[in-house]
Amino acid sequence: MTDKTLLSRITITPGVLGGRPCVRGLRISVVDILDMLADGASRVDILESYEDLEDADISAALAYASQALNHPVIAAE
């Protein structure tokens, strides 16, 4: 899947989880997935924790985080 296809799986809806990015309109936030990965959970662990989640959703969360952090940083001297 391309990043564009993956990113289309991420939704932001005012009033749902405080407007945080979620997966496919589900109440599963990108941060929930990232936190589980950071804590050492495997993709299988995450998929078992959220029965409506698909493997591509995990990839979408990672692509979203990568895009959100990919910006230039200008340091004041």
N, C-alpha and C. Protein backbone atom coordinates (compact mmCIF):
# COMPACT_ATOMS: atom_id res chain seq x y z
N MET A 1 0.83 -1.18 0.00
CA MET A 1 0.00 0.00 0.00
C MET A 1 0.88 1.24 0.00
N THR A 2 0.43 2.26 -0.68
CA THR A 2 1.16 3.53 -0.69
C THR A 2 0.83 4.31 0.57
N ASP A 3 1.68 5.28 0.89
CA ASP A 3 1.42 6.13 2.05
C ASP A 3 0.08 6.84 1.90
N LYS A 4 -0.25 7.27 0.69
CA LYS A 4 -1.52 7.96 0.47
C LYS A 4 -2.70 7.05 0.80
N THR A 5 -2.62 5.81 0.38
CA THR A 5 -3.68 4.84 0.67
C THR A 5 -3.75 4.58 2.17
N LEU A 6 -2.59 4.41 2.79
CA LEU A 6 -2.56 4.17 4.23
C LEU A 6 -3.13 5.36 4.99
N LEU A 7 -2.73 6.56 4.61
CA LEU A 7 -3.17 7.75 5.32
C LEU A 7 -4.68 7.98 5.18
N SER A 8 -5.28 7.44 4.13
CA SER A 8 -6.73 7.59 3.98
C SER A 8 -7.48 6.79 5.04
N ARG A 9 -6.80 5.89 5.72
CA ARG A 9 -7.40 5.09 6.80
C ARG A 9 -7.48 5.87 8.11
N ILE A 10 -6.77 7.00 8.18
CA ILE A 10 -6.75 7.82 9.39
C ILE A 10 -7.81 8.92 9.27
N THR A 11 -8.65 9.02 10.28
CA THR A 11 -9.72 10.02 10.28
C THR A 11 -9.60 10.92 11.50
N ILE A 12 -10.01 12.16 11.32
CA ILE A 12 -10.07 13.11 12.43
C ILE A 12 -11.47 13.68 12.42
N THR A 13 -12.22 13.40 13.48
CA THR A 13 -13.61 13.83 13.57
C THR A 13 -13.79 14.63 14.85
N PRO A 14 -14.16 15.92 14.73
CA PRO A 14 -14.41 16.70 15.94
C PRO A 14 -15.43 15.98 16.83
N GLY A 15 -15.15 15.94 18.10
CA GLY A 15 -16.06 15.31 19.04
C GLY A 15 -15.81 13.83 19.26
N VAL A 16 -14.96 13.22 18.44
CA VAL A 16 -14.62 11.81 18.63
C VAL A 16 -13.20 11.76 19.19
N LEU A 17 -13.09 11.26 20.40
CA LEU A 17 -11.80 11.18 21.10
C LEU A 17 -11.09 12.53 21.12
N GLY A 18 -11.86 13.59 21.31
CA GLY A 18 -11.28 14.92 21.40
C GLY A 18 -10.64 15.41 20.12
N GLY A 19 -11.07 14.87 18.98
CA GLY A 19 -10.52 15.27 17.70
C GLY A 19 -9.17 14.65 17.38
N ARG A 20 -8.78 13.66 18.17
CA ARG A 20 -7.50 12.99 17.92
C ARG A 20 -7.60 12.10 16.68
N PRO A 21 -6.49 11.92 15.96
CA PRO A 21 -6.50 11.03 14.80
C PRO A 21 -6.86 9.60 15.20
N CYS A 22 -7.79 9.01 14.48
CA CYS A 22 -8.26 7.64 14.75
C CYS A 22 -8.13 6.80 13.49
N VAL A 23 -8.34 5.53 13.66
CA VAL A 23 -8.28 4.59 12.55
C VAL A 23 -9.68 4.32 12.03
N ARG A 24 -9.91 4.62 10.77
CA ARG A 24 -11.15 4.32 10.04
C ARG A 24 -12.42 4.70 10.80
N GLY A 25 -12.38 5.80 11.53
CA GLY A 25 -13.57 6.24 12.25
C GLY A 25 -13.87 5.44 13.50
N LEU A 26 -13.05 4.46 13.78
CA LEU A 26 -13.21 3.67 15.00
C LEU A 26 -12.70 4.51 16.17
N ARG A 27 -13.04 4.16 17.35
CA ARG A 27 -12.53 4.87 18.52
C ARG A 27 -11.22 4.23 18.98
N ILE A 28 -10.35 4.04 18.01
CA ILE A 28 -8.99 3.55 18.27
C ILE A 28 -8.06 4.63 17.74
N SER A 29 -7.36 5.29 18.66
CA SER A 29 -6.53 6.41 18.23
C SER A 29 -5.17 5.94 17.72
N VAL A 30 -4.58 6.77 16.89
CA VAL A 30 -3.22 6.52 16.40
C VAL A 30 -2.28 6.40 17.59
N VAL A 31 -2.46 7.25 18.59
CA VAL A 31 -1.59 7.23 19.77
C VAL A 31 -1.71 5.91 20.52
N ASP A 32 -2.92 5.35 20.61
CA ASP A 32 -3.08 4.05 21.28
C ASP A 32 -2.20 2.99 20.61
N ILE A 33 -2.21 2.97 19.30
CA ILE A 33 -1.41 1.99 18.55
C ILE A 33 0.07 2.26 18.75
N LEU A 34 0.47 3.52 18.63
CA LEU A 34 1.88 3.86 18.80
C LEU A 34 2.38 3.55 20.21
N ASP A 35 1.55 3.84 21.21
CA ASP A 35 1.93 3.53 22.59
C ASP A 35 2.13 2.03 22.79
N MET A 36 1.26 1.23 22.20
CA MET A 36 1.40 -0.22 22.34
C MET A 36 2.69 -0.70 21.68
N LEU A 37 2.99 -0.16 20.49
CA LEU A 37 4.23 -0.53 19.82
C LEU A 37 5.44 -0.10 20.66
N ALA A 38 5.39 1.11 21.22
CA ALA A 38 6.48 1.61 22.05
C ALA A 38 6.68 0.76 23.30
N ASP A 39 5.59 0.19 23.79
CA ASP A 39 5.68 -0.67 24.97
C ASP A 39 6.11 -2.10 24.64
N GLY A 40 6.37 -2.36 23.35
CA GLY A 40 6.89 -3.67 22.96
C GLY A 40 5.85 -4.64 22.42
N ALA A 41 4.62 -4.19 22.24
CA ALA A 41 3.58 -5.08 21.69
C ALA A 41 3.89 -5.38 20.22
N SER A 42 3.58 -6.59 19.84
CA SER A 42 3.74 -6.96 18.43
C SER A 42 2.46 -6.60 17.68
N ARG A 43 2.53 -6.67 16.37
CA ARG A 43 1.33 -6.42 15.56
C ARG A 43 0.23 -7.42 15.95
N VAL A 44 0.61 -8.65 16.18
CA VAL A 44 -0.36 -9.68 16.57
C VAL A 44 -1.02 -9.30 17.90
N ASP A 45 -0.22 -8.85 18.85
CA ASP A 45 -0.76 -8.42 20.15
C ASP A 45 -1.81 -7.32 19.96
N ILE A 46 -1.48 -6.35 19.14
CA ILE A 46 -2.37 -5.21 18.91
C ILE A 46 -3.65 -5.67 18.23
N LEU A 47 -3.52 -6.50 17.22
CA LEU A 47 -4.70 -7.00 16.50
C LEU A 47 -5.59 -7.84 17.41
N GLU A 48 -5.00 -8.55 18.34
CA GLU A 48 -5.79 -9.34 19.30
C GLU A 48 -6.50 -8.44 20.30
N SER A 49 -5.90 -7.28 20.59
CA SER A 49 -6.49 -6.35 21.55
C SER A 49 -7.68 -5.59 20.96
N TYR A 50 -7.67 -5.38 19.66
CA TYR A 50 -8.73 -4.62 18.98
C TYR A 50 -9.26 -5.46 17.82
N GLU A 51 -10.37 -6.11 18.02
CA GLU A 51 -10.87 -7.06 17.00
C GLU A 51 -11.25 -6.39 15.68
N ASP A 52 -11.59 -5.10 15.68
CA ASP A 52 -11.96 -4.42 14.44
C ASP A 52 -10.76 -3.87 13.67
N LEU A 53 -9.58 -3.93 14.28
CA LEU A 53 -8.38 -3.40 13.67
C LEU A 53 -7.83 -4.36 12.62
N GLU A 54 -7.27 -3.81 11.57
CA GLU A 54 -6.62 -4.60 10.51
C GLU A 54 -5.13 -4.29 10.52
N ASP A 55 -4.33 -5.19 10.00
CA ASP A 55 -2.89 -5.00 9.97
C ASP A 55 -2.51 -3.71 9.26
N ALA A 56 -3.21 -3.38 8.19
CA ALA A 56 -2.92 -2.14 7.46
C ALA A 56 -3.16 -0.91 8.32
N ASP A 57 -4.04 -1.02 9.31
CA ASP A 57 -4.30 0.10 10.21
C ASP A 57 -3.06 0.42 11.05
N ILE A 58 -2.32 -0.58 11.43
CA ILE A 58 -1.08 -0.37 12.18
C ILE A 58 -0.07 0.34 11.29
N SER A 59 0.03 -0.09 10.05
CA SER A 59 0.92 0.58 9.10
C SER A 59 0.47 2.02 8.88
N ALA A 60 -0.83 2.24 8.84
CA ALA A 60 -1.36 3.59 8.65
C ALA A 60 -1.00 4.49 9.83
N ALA A 61 -1.08 3.96 11.04
CA ALA A 61 -0.71 4.74 12.22
C ALA A 61 0.77 5.14 12.16
N LEU A 62 1.61 4.21 11.75
CA LEU A 62 3.03 4.51 11.62
C LEU A 62 3.30 5.54 10.53
N ALA A 63 2.61 5.41 9.40
CA ALA A 63 2.77 6.36 8.30
C ALA A 63 2.30 7.75 8.73
N TYR A 64 1.21 7.81 9.47
CA TYR A 64 0.69 9.09 9.95
C TYR A 64 1.70 9.75 10.88
N ALA A 65 2.23 8.99 11.81
CA ALA A 65 3.22 9.53 12.75
C ALA A 65 4.46 10.01 12.02
N SER A 66 4.91 9.25 11.04
CA SER A 66 6.08 9.64 10.27
C SER A 66 5.84 10.95 9.54
N GLN A 67 4.68 11.07 8.93
CA GLN A 67 4.36 12.30 8.19
C GLN A 67 4.21 13.49 9.15
N ALA A 68 3.60 13.25 10.29
CA ALA A 68 3.39 14.33 11.25
C ALA A 68 4.71 14.88 11.79
N LEU A 69 5.71 14.02 11.88
CA LEU A 69 7.00 14.44 12.43
C LEU A 69 8.00 14.87 11.36
N ASN A 70 7.66 14.69 10.11
CA ASN A 70 8.60 14.99 9.02
C ASN A 70 8.45 16.44 8.58
N HIS A 71 9.09 17.32 9.32
CA HIS A 71 9.09 18.73 8.96
C HIS A 71 10.43 19.33 9.35
N PRO A 72 10.81 20.38 8.65
CA PRO A 72 12.09 20.97 8.99
C PRO A 72 12.04 21.66 10.36
N VAL A 73 13.16 21.61 11.04
CA VAL A 73 13.31 22.31 12.31
C VAL A 73 14.32 23.41 12.11
N ILE A 74 13.90 24.63 12.36
CA ILE A 74 14.79 25.77 12.20
C ILE A 74 15.22 26.22 13.58
N ALA A 75 16.50 26.11 13.83
CA ALA A 75 17.03 26.48 15.13
C ALA A 75 17.48 27.94 15.11
N ALA A 76 17.03 28.68 16.09
CA ALA A 76 17.48 30.06 16.21
C ALA A 76 18.90 30.08 16.75
N GLU A 77 19.72 30.89 16.15
CA GLU A 77 21.11 30.97 16.60
C GLU A 77 21.35 32.21 17.40
